[in-house]
């Protein structure tokens, strides 16, 4: 595994690039899912974290909608996990 990723700073940069790619994918999926609904004013965010609601035009009421928020919190989890994993490389910078 070390020969594939390299060692030292190169391993850290490989680690960072892979987690950055995962974050970008999650952020893009979340943005492409939530932005049209937010622009139309269809998503109603609740007072708590979950559930969120979307305005249903065919029913004339609200319906639960949390798919986009799962992606958003997934992106936050990726960044947090990268930070924790990055601590393993902290000895390279001292």
C-alpha atoms as a PDB file:
ATOM      1  CA  UNK A   1       0.000   0.000   0.000  1.00  0.00           C
ATOM      2  CA  UNK A   2       2.849   2.368   0.790  1.00  0.00           C
ATOM      3  CA  UNK A   3       4.358   1.909  -2.667  1.00  0.00           C
ATOM      4  CA  UNK A   4       1.097   2.975  -4.297  1.00  0.00           C
ATOM      5  CA  UNK A   5       0.510   6.074  -2.180  1.00  0.00           C
ATOM      6  CA  UNK A   6       4.124   6.968  -1.580  1.00  0.00           C
ATOM      7  CA  UNK A   7       5.385   7.956   1.812  1.00  0.00           C
ATOM      8  CA  UNK A   8       5.627  11.076   3.899  1.00  0.00           C
ATOM      9  CA  UNK A   9       4.137  14.198   2.368  1.00  0.00           C
ATOM     10  CA  UNK A  10       3.153  12.359  -0.816  1.00  0.00           C
ATOM     11  CA  UNK A  11       1.042   9.947   1.211  1.00  0.00           C
ATOM     12  CA  UNK A  12      -0.648  12.876   2.936  1.00  0.00           C
ATOM     13  CA  UNK A  13      -1.343  14.597  -0.388  1.00  0.00           C
ATOM     14  CA  UNK A  14      -2.804  11.361  -1.812  1.00  0.00           C
ATOM     15  CA  UNK A  15      -4.958  10.975   1.275  1.00  0.00           C
ATOM     16  CA  UNK A  16      -6.141  14.588   0.988  1.00  0.00           C
ATOM     17  CA  UNK A  17      -6.885  14.316  -2.737  1.00  0.00           C
ATOM     18  CA  UNK A  18      -9.032  11.214  -2.283  1.00  0.00           C
ATOM     19  CA  UNK A  19     -11.073  12.744   0.542  1.00  0.00           C
ATOM     20  CA  UNK A  20     -11.382  16.011  -1.375  1.00  0.00           C
ATOM     21  CA  UNK A  21     -12.790  14.116  -4.367  1.00  0.00           C
ATOM     22  CA  UNK A  22     -15.323  12.396  -2.111  1.00  0.00           C
ATOM     23  CA  UNK A  23     -16.331  15.746  -0.603  1.00  0.00           C
ATOM     24  CA  UNK A  24     -16.729  17.358  -4.039  1.00  0.00           C
ATOM     25  CA  UNK A  25     -18.973  14.519  -5.226  1.00  0.00           C
ATOM     26  CA  UNK A  26     -21.181  14.740  -2.127  1.00  0.00           C
ATOM     27  CA  UNK A  27     -21.335  18.534  -2.296  1.00  0.00           C
ATOM     28  CA  UNK A  28     -22.240  18.459  -6.006  1.00  0.00           C
ATOM     29  CA  UNK A  29     -24.987  15.866  -5.506  1.00  0.00           C
ATOM     30  CA  UNK A  30     -26.395  17.849  -2.575  1.00  0.00           C
ATOM     31  CA  UNK A  31     -26.219  21.150  -4.439  1.00  0.00           C
ATOM     32  CA  UNK A  32     -27.840  19.744  -7.580  1.00  0.00           C
ATOM     33  CA  UNK A  33     -30.612  18.231  -5.479  1.00  0.00           C
ATOM     34  CA  UNK A  34     -31.375  21.133  -3.144  1.00  0.00           C
ATOM     35  CA  UNK A  35     -30.661  24.225  -5.274  1.00  0.00           C
ATOM     36  CA  UNK A  36     -33.636  23.962  -7.668  1.00  0.00           C
ATOM     37  CA  UNK A  37     -36.029  23.392  -4.782  1.00  0.00           C
ATOM     38  CA  UNK A  38     -34.574  26.242  -2.742  1.00  0.00           C
ATOM     39  CA  UNK A  39     -34.686  28.562  -5.752  1.00  0.00           C
ATOM     40  CA  UNK A  40     -38.376  27.801  -6.279  1.00  0.00           C
ATOM     41  CA  UNK A  41     -39.036  28.193  -2.567  1.00  0.00           C
ATOM     42  CA  UNK A  42     -40.294  24.623  -2.264  1.00  0.00           C
ATOM     43  CA  UNK A  43     -38.081  23.382   0.589  1.00  0.00           C
ATOM     44  CA  UNK A  44     -39.204  24.252   4.083  1.00  0.00           C
ATOM     45  CA  UNK A  45     -36.513  23.607   6.678  1.00  0.00           C
ATOM     46  CA  UNK A  46     -37.857  22.602  10.055  1.00  0.00           C
ATOM     47  CA  UNK A  47     -36.741  23.943  13.431  1.00  0.00           C
ATOM     48  CA  UNK A  48     -34.798  20.760  14.160  1.00  0.00           C
ATOM     49  CA  UNK A  49     -32.200  19.024  11.998  1.00  0.00           C
ATOM     50  CA  UNK A  50     -34.564  16.416  10.576  1.00  0.00           C
ATOM     51  CA  UNK A  51     -37.052  16.148   9.015  1.00  0.00           C
ATOM     52  CA  UNK A  52     -37.066  18.816   6.342  1.00  0.00           C
ATOM     53  CA  UNK A  53     -40.149  19.325   4.251  1.00  0.00           C
ATOM     54  CA  UNK A  54     -40.853  20.114   0.617  1.00  0.00           C
ATOM     55  CA  UNK A  55     -43.976  21.814  -0.691  1.00  0.00           C
ATOM     56  CA  UNK A  56     -46.015  19.361  -2.755  1.00  0.00           C
ATOM     57  CA  UNK A  57     -47.932  21.193  -5.483  1.00  0.00           C
ATOM     58  CA  UNK A  58     -50.086  18.197  -6.377  1.00  0.00           C
ATOM     59  CA  UNK A  59     -51.194  17.628  -2.772  1.00  0.00           C
ATOM     60  CA  UNK A  60     -51.249  21.293  -1.821  1.00  0.00           C
ATOM     61  CA  UNK A  61     -49.338  20.564   1.369  1.00  0.00           C
ATOM     62  CA  UNK A  62     -45.959  19.587   2.718  1.00  0.00           C
ATOM     63  CA  UNK A  63     -44.231  16.236   2.460  1.00  0.00           C
ATOM     64  CA  UNK A  64     -41.134  15.003   4.324  1.00  0.00           C
ATOM     65  CA  UNK A  65     -37.928  15.504   2.361  1.00  0.00           C
ATOM     66  CA  UNK A  66     -34.506  14.766   3.796  1.00  0.00           C
ATOM     67  CA  UNK A  67     -32.526  13.350   0.861  1.00  0.00           C
ATOM     68  CA  UNK A  68     -30.568  16.531   0.190  1.00  0.00           C
ATOM     69  CA  UNK A  69     -29.821  17.063   3.861  1.00  0.00           C
ATOM     70  CA  UNK A  70     -28.350  13.576   4.179  1.00  0.00           C
ATOM     71  CA  UNK A  71     -25.851  14.520   1.475  1.00  0.00           C
ATOM     72  CA  UNK A  72     -25.061  17.790   3.231  1.00  0.00           C
ATOM     73  CA  UNK A  73     -24.365  16.119   6.554  1.00  0.00           C
ATOM     74  CA  UNK A  74     -22.447  13.392   4.708  1.00  0.00           C
ATOM     75  CA  UNK A  75     -20.175  16.083   3.255  1.00  0.00           C
ATOM     76  CA  UNK A  76     -19.652  17.491   6.751  1.00  0.00           C
ATOM     77  CA  UNK A  77     -18.793  13.996   8.004  1.00  0.00           C
ATOM     78  CA  UNK A  78     -16.245  13.559   5.204  1.00  0.00           C
ATOM     79  CA  UNK A  79     -14.490  16.807   6.144  1.00  0.00           C
ATOM     80  CA  UNK A  80     -14.514  15.850   9.830  1.00  0.00           C
ATOM     81  CA  UNK A  81     -13.158  12.382   9.079  1.00  0.00           C
ATOM     82  CA  UNK A  82     -10.432  13.887   6.892  1.00  0.00           C
ATOM     83  CA  UNK A  83      -9.413  16.085   9.837  1.00  0.00           C
ATOM     84  CA  UNK A  84      -9.241  13.131  12.187  1.00  0.00           C
ATOM     85  CA  UNK A  85      -7.342  11.060   9.636  1.00  0.00           C
ATOM     86  CA  UNK A  86      -5.031  13.983   8.937  1.00  0.00           C
ATOM     87  CA  UNK A  87      -3.943  13.882  12.572  1.00  0.00           C
ATOM     88  CA  UNK A  88      -2.190  10.598  11.785  1.00  0.00           C
ATOM     89  CA  UNK A  89       0.099  12.554   9.455  1.00  0.00           C
ATOM     90  CA  UNK A  90       0.829  15.335  11.967  1.00  0.00           C
ATOM     91  CA  UNK A  91       4.252  13.885  12.777  1.00  0.00           C
ATOM     92  CA  UNK A  92       5.352  14.854   9.248  1.00  0.00           C
ATOM     93  CA  UNK A  93       4.974  18.545   9.965  1.00  0.00           C
ATOM     94  CA  UNK A  94       6.915  18.808  13.219  1.00  0.00           C
END
